[in-house]
Protein backbone atom coordinates (compact mmCIF):
# COMPACT_ATOMS: atom_id res chain seq x y z
CA MET A 1 56.96 94.41 -142.86
CA GLN A 2 54.52 93.96 -145.74
CA LYS A 3 55.02 90.21 -145.54
CA ILE A 4 54.30 90.10 -141.81
CA LEU A 5 51.15 92.17 -142.26
CA LEU A 6 50.00 89.83 -145.01
CA MET A 7 50.50 86.82 -142.75
CA ILE A 8 48.05 88.29 -140.25
CA VAL A 9 45.49 89.16 -142.92
CA VAL A 10 45.82 85.75 -144.56
CA SER A 11 45.57 83.96 -141.22
CA PHE A 12 42.25 85.61 -140.42
CA SER A 13 41.02 85.26 -143.99
CA CYS A 14 41.70 81.55 -143.61
CA LEU A 15 39.46 81.51 -140.54
CA THR A 16 36.43 82.27 -142.69
CA ALA A 17 37.44 79.68 -145.29
CA CYS A 18 38.46 76.88 -142.95
CA SER A 19 35.99 74.05 -142.33
CA ARG A 20 36.60 74.34 -138.56
CA LEU A 21 36.96 77.95 -137.46
CA ASP A 22 37.52 77.10 -133.79
CA ILE A 23 40.50 74.88 -134.62
CA ALA A 24 41.95 77.51 -136.98
CA TYR A 25 41.52 80.15 -134.28
CA ASN A 26 43.33 78.04 -131.69
CA TRP A 27 46.32 77.57 -133.98
CA ALA A 28 46.49 81.07 -135.49
CA ASP A 29 49.12 82.39 -133.06
CA THR A 30 51.38 79.39 -133.68
CA PHE A 31 50.94 79.68 -137.44
CA ILE A 32 51.82 83.38 -137.50
CA ALA A 33 54.80 82.91 -135.16
CA SER A 34 56.17 80.17 -137.41
CA LYS A 35 55.89 82.42 -140.46
CA VAL A 36 57.58 85.29 -138.63
CA ASP A 37 60.37 82.86 -137.76
CA ASP A 38 60.80 82.13 -141.49
CA TYR A 39 61.58 85.81 -142.06
CA PHE A 40 63.47 86.76 -138.88
CA ASP A 41 64.90 83.53 -137.41
CA ILE A 42 63.47 84.44 -134.01
CA SER A 43 64.53 83.03 -130.64
CA SER A 44 62.30 80.84 -128.46
CA LYS A 45 61.88 83.81 -126.10
CA GLN A 46 60.69 86.03 -128.95
CA SER A 47 58.36 83.32 -130.22
CA LYS A 48 56.80 82.87 -126.80
CA ALA A 49 56.32 86.63 -126.34
CA LEU A 50 54.90 86.98 -129.85
CA LYS A 51 52.34 84.21 -129.39
CA LYS A 52 51.26 85.60 -126.03
CA SER A 53 50.76 89.06 -127.53
CA LEU A 54 48.88 87.63 -130.53
CA GLN A 55 46.54 85.74 -128.20
CA GLN A 56 45.70 89.03 -126.48
CA ASP A 57 45.02 90.62 -129.88
CA PHE A 58 42.71 87.77 -130.83
CA GLU A 59 40.83 88.22 -127.57
CA LYS A 60 40.21 91.88 -128.44
CA MET A 61 38.94 90.88 -131.86
CA LYS A 62 36.49 88.43 -130.29
CA THR A 63 34.68 91.43 -128.85
CA ALA A 64 35.20 93.88 -131.70
CA VAL A 65 34.71 91.69 -134.78
CA LEU A 66 32.97 88.38 -134.05
CA PRO A 67 29.55 89.83 -133.07
CA ASP A 68 29.25 91.54 -136.46
CA TRP A 69 30.38 88.40 -138.28
CA ILE A 70 27.80 86.31 -136.42
CA ASN A 71 24.95 88.77 -136.92
CA ASN A 72 25.64 89.22 -140.61
CA ALA A 73 25.95 85.47 -141.17
CA LYS A 74 22.59 84.97 -139.45
CA GLU A 75 20.98 87.70 -141.57
CA LEU A 76 22.38 86.13 -144.72
CA GLU A 77 21.10 82.76 -143.56
CA GLN A 78 17.59 84.18 -143.10
CA ASP A 79 17.63 85.90 -146.49
CA ILE A 80 18.58 82.65 -148.21
CA ALA A 81 15.98 80.61 -146.30
CA GLN A 82 13.24 83.14 -147.15
CA ASN A 83 14.38 83.64 -150.76
CA LYS A 84 15.06 87.32 -150.08
CA LEU A 85 18.64 87.35 -151.31
CA ASN A 86 19.32 90.20 -153.74
CA GLU A 87 22.23 92.12 -155.23
CA ASN A 88 22.18 94.89 -152.63
CA LYS A 89 22.26 92.49 -149.68
CA ILE A 90 25.06 90.39 -151.16
CA SER A 91 27.09 93.49 -152.02
CA SER A 92 26.59 94.83 -148.51
CA VAL A 93 27.93 91.62 -146.90
CA PHE A 94 30.84 91.51 -149.35
CA SER A 95 31.78 95.12 -148.58
CA LEU A 96 31.58 94.46 -144.85
CA VAL A 97 33.96 91.51 -145.13
CA MET A 98 36.41 93.57 -147.17
CA ARG A 99 36.32 96.42 -144.65
CA ASN A 100 36.96 93.98 -141.82
CA VAL A 101 39.96 92.52 -143.63
CA GLU A 102 41.36 95.99 -144.33
CA HIS A 103 41.15 96.89 -140.63
CA PHE A 104 42.48 93.61 -139.24
CA THR A 105 46.02 94.87 -138.98
CA SER A 106 45.12 97.73 -136.65
CA TYR A 107 44.38 95.19 -133.90
CA PHE A 108 47.96 93.93 -134.11
CA THR A 109 49.74 97.29 -134.03
CA ASP A 110 51.20 97.02 -130.53
CA THR A 111 52.28 93.44 -131.15
CA ALA A 112 54.08 94.44 -134.34
CA VAL A 113 55.80 97.40 -132.67
CA ASN A 114 56.90 95.32 -129.69
CA PHE A 115 58.17 92.56 -131.93
CA ILE A 116 60.20 94.82 -134.24
CA SER A 117 61.67 96.47 -131.13
CA SER A 118 62.95 93.08 -130.00
CA THR A 119 64.89 92.36 -133.20
CA ASP A 120 68.63 92.82 -133.53
CA PRO A 121 70.71 93.87 -136.58
CA GLN A 122 71.38 90.24 -137.52
CA GLN A 123 67.66 89.46 -137.59
CA LEU A 124 66.92 92.55 -139.68
CA ALA A 125 69.61 91.45 -142.14
CA TYR A 126 68.07 87.97 -142.16
CA PHE A 127 64.68 89.58 -142.85
CA SER A 128 66.05 91.50 -145.82
CA LYS A 129 67.58 88.37 -147.34
CA ALA A 130 64.52 86.18 -146.71
CA PHE A 131 62.17 88.87 -148.03
CA HIS A 132 63.95 89.18 -151.37
CA GLU A 133 64.35 85.42 -151.77
CA LYS A 134 60.65 84.77 -151.17
CA ASN A 135 59.59 87.67 -153.37
CA GLU A 136 61.71 86.22 -156.17
CA GLU A 137 60.08 82.81 -155.62
CA ASP A 138 56.64 84.42 -155.96
CA LEU A 139 57.71 86.16 -159.14
CA LYS A 140 59.01 82.90 -160.66
CA LYS A 141 55.72 81.21 -159.80
CA PHE A 142 53.82 84.01 -161.52
CA ARG A 143 55.98 83.73 -164.63
CA ASP A 144 55.18 80.02 -164.84
CA THR A 145 51.93 81.01 -166.51
CA LYS A 146 50.31 77.60 -166.85
CA ARG A 147 51.05 76.62 -163.25
CA TYR A 148 49.92 79.96 -161.87
CA GLN A 149 46.67 79.94 -163.83
CA ARG A 150 45.95 76.35 -162.77
CA GLU A 151 46.54 77.10 -159.07
CA TYR A 152 44.57 80.34 -159.32
CA LYS A 153 41.62 78.52 -160.87
CA GLU A 154 41.79 75.74 -158.28
CA LYS A 155 41.54 78.29 -155.45
CA TYR A 156 38.33 79.74 -156.89
CA TYR A 157 36.72 76.34 -157.25
CA LYS A 158 37.91 75.28 -153.79
CA TYR A 159 36.22 78.20 -152.02
CA PHE A 160 32.98 78.08 -153.98
CA ASN A 161 32.76 74.29 -153.62
CA MET A 162 33.42 74.57 -149.90
CA PHE A 163 30.31 76.64 -149.35
CA LEU A 164 28.03 75.62 -152.22
CA GLY A 165 28.93 72.06 -153.12
CA SER A 166 28.93 71.15 -156.82
CA LEU A 167 28.76 74.06 -159.26
CA THR A 168 26.58 74.18 -162.34
CA ASP A 169 28.04 74.54 -165.83
CA SER A 170 26.82 78.12 -166.06
CA GLN A 171 28.45 78.99 -162.72
CA LYS A 172 31.71 77.41 -163.85
CA LEU A 173 31.51 79.55 -166.97
CA LEU A 174 31.06 82.69 -164.85
CA ILE A 175 34.20 81.79 -162.90
CA GLU A 176 36.16 81.05 -166.09
CA LYS A 177 35.21 84.43 -167.57
CA HIS A 178 36.12 86.23 -164.36
CA ILE A 179 39.53 84.56 -164.19
CA GLN A 180 40.19 85.45 -167.81
CA ASN A 181 38.95 89.05 -167.67
CA SER A 182 39.77 90.00 -164.06
CA PRO A 183 42.88 88.14 -162.88
CA PHE A 184 44.31 89.01 -159.51
CA PRO A 185 47.11 91.62 -160.00
CA LEU A 186 49.80 89.34 -158.57
CA GLU A 187 52.75 90.89 -160.38
CA LEU A 188 51.77 94.34 -159.10
CA LYS A 189 51.31 92.86 -155.62
CA ILE A 190 54.85 91.46 -155.68
CA LYS A 191 56.22 94.79 -156.86
CA ASN A 192 54.17 96.53 -154.17
CA LYS A 193 55.86 94.43 -151.47
CA GLU A 194 59.20 95.68 -152.75
CA TRP A 195 57.82 99.24 -152.84
CA VAL A 196 56.83 99.03 -149.15
CA PHE A 197 60.08 97.33 -148.20
CA GLN A 198 62.08 100.14 -149.78
CA LYS A 199 60.09 102.66 -147.73
CA PHE A 200 60.79 100.63 -144.61
CA THR A 201 64.52 100.55 -145.38
CA LYS A 202 64.68 104.26 -146.22
CA GLU A 203 62.71 105.56 -143.25
CA CYS A 204 63.86 103.18 -140.50
CA LYS A 205 67.36 104.34 -139.62
CA THR A 206 66.94 104.28 -135.84
CA PRO A 207 64.97 102.09 -133.40
CA GLU A 208 62.52 104.92 -132.77
CA SER A 209 61.92 105.62 -136.47
CA MET A 210 61.43 101.91 -137.06
CA LYS A 211 58.79 101.68 -134.34
CA ALA A 212 57.06 104.79 -135.68
CA PHE A 213 57.00 103.34 -139.20
CA VAL A 214 55.60 100.00 -138.09
CA ARG A 215 52.95 101.63 -135.89
CA ASP A 216 51.69 103.87 -138.70
CA PHE A 217 51.95 101.09 -141.27
CA TYR A 218 49.76 98.72 -139.27
CA ALA A 219 47.25 101.48 -138.58
CA HIS A 220 47.09 102.69 -142.21
CA PRO A 221 48.52 99.99 -144.52
CA GLU A 222 46.81 101.22 -147.69
CA SER A 223 48.55 104.60 -147.47
CA TYR A 224 51.88 102.81 -148.02
CA ASN A 225 50.84 101.00 -151.19
CA ASP A 226 52.08 101.75 -154.68
CA PRO A 227 49.22 103.71 -156.33
CA ALA A 228 49.31 101.39 -159.36
CA TYR A 229 48.73 98.32 -157.20
CA GLN A 230 46.13 100.05 -155.04
CA ALA A 231 44.08 100.99 -158.11
CA ALA A 232 44.41 97.51 -159.63
CA PHE A 233 43.43 95.83 -156.37
CA LYS A 234 40.32 98.00 -155.98
CA ASN A 235 39.26 97.11 -159.53
CA TYR A 236 39.83 93.44 -158.78
CA GLN A 237 37.71 93.67 -155.63
CA LYS A 238 34.90 95.29 -157.60
CA ASP A 239 34.95 92.55 -160.23
CA LEU A 240 35.14 89.83 -157.56
CA GLN A 241 32.09 91.31 -155.86
CA GLY A 242 30.27 91.13 -159.18
CA LEU A 243 31.18 87.45 -159.53
CA VAL A 244 29.99 86.62 -156.01
CA VAL A 245 26.70 88.40 -156.66
CA LYS A 246 26.11 86.47 -159.90
CA ILE A 247 26.99 83.11 -158.34
CA LEU A 248 24.80 83.59 -155.26
CA LEU A 249 21.85 84.79 -157.34
CA SER A 250 22.09 81.65 -159.49
CA LEU A 251 21.92 79.09 -156.67
CA ASN A 252 19.74 76.04 -157.17
CA SER A 253 17.82 74.38 -154.33
CA GLU A 254 20.65 71.96 -153.44
CA GLN A 255 23.22 74.75 -153.33
CA LYS A 256 20.98 76.88 -151.11
CA LYS A 257 20.62 73.94 -148.75
CA GLU A 258 24.40 73.42 -148.73
CA LEU A 259 25.09 77.12 -148.12
CA LEU A 260 22.55 77.30 -145.30
CA GLN A 261 24.12 74.30 -143.60
CA ASN A 262 27.59 75.80 -143.95
CA LEU A 263 26.48 79.16 -142.57
CA GLN A 264 24.83 77.48 -139.60
CA GLU A 265 28.02 75.53 -138.87
CA LYS A 266 30.18 78.65 -139.18
CA VAL A 267 27.90 80.63 -136.86
CA ALA A 268 28.02 77.84 -134.26
CA GLN A 269 31.83 77.74 -134.46
CA LEU A 270 32.13 81.54 -134.19
CA GLU A 271 29.84 81.56 -131.17
CA LYS A 272 31.98 78.82 -129.60
CA ILE A 273 35.06 81.01 -130.11
CA ARG A 274 33.31 84.05 -128.63
CA ARG A 275 32.22 82.12 -125.52
CA ARG A 276 35.65 80.64 -124.90
CA SER A 277 37.56 82.36 -122.10
C-alpha cells in the first residue's frame, strides 16, 4: 500500500507544481485510478467506483485545504511585493506545505479501505508481483548513478525555473551544493517501501485485518516507516527548507516579478477550483 499512498501524495504535490492547477485537479482521479490499475489490474467497475470515491475526497479537500493554500499564497505575494520576505516567513510557508502533504492521505482513508476490500486474491498476488518489479526498477535507476544524478538535478531546475524564471549563477551554485551535500535518500526510500510492504503482508491475513491495516496506515503513515528512512527524510526536508530560504532571499527584480505573476495565476486557479461545484 505504500505505493498507492505515494501516488496520492505525488498527485497532489503535482497540483502545486503544474502550470494549470485546474486541469491537473480535473484529471487527478483518472491519473490515480490508472496508477492503481498498474498495481492491481482492476476491473472497469472498480475503476469507476474508485474515481467516484476520489472525486468525493477531492471535494472535501476543497473545503479543508484550499482556503489555507489561497490565503498563504496571497500573504506570500504581499510580502514579496512589499519587500517584507524574510527567513521566518519563508520557513513558515515551507513547513505549512510539508504538513499539508503529510496529512493528505488521511482524506483518502475511506477510499483506500473500500478499494482494498474490493480486491480478490488474484489482484493481491498481482499487486505483490508488480510492487517488487517496480521497486527493482527504481533500485536499478538509482544505481545508474550518472542518470539518477542528471534526472535529480533536472527536477530541481525545473521547479525553480517554473516559478522564478532564469536562475543566477550564484543560485545555481546553491542548488549544486545542496544536491551534492543533501541528496534525497532514494535508496532508503526504496527499502522503506519494502519495509512497509512486509508489514502489510505480515499483518493482513484476513479481510478485516487488511482493512484495519489500511485504515491506520492512511491515518498515520509516518508511524509505519523504517526509522532510518524517517530520520533521513526529516534531515533532507530541513536542508531543502534551507535551500528554498536562500534562493528566495536572493531574488533579483525580474525573479520577484516572475514569482509574483506565478503566485497570482496559481491563486486564481485555486479559487476557480474552490468555486467549481
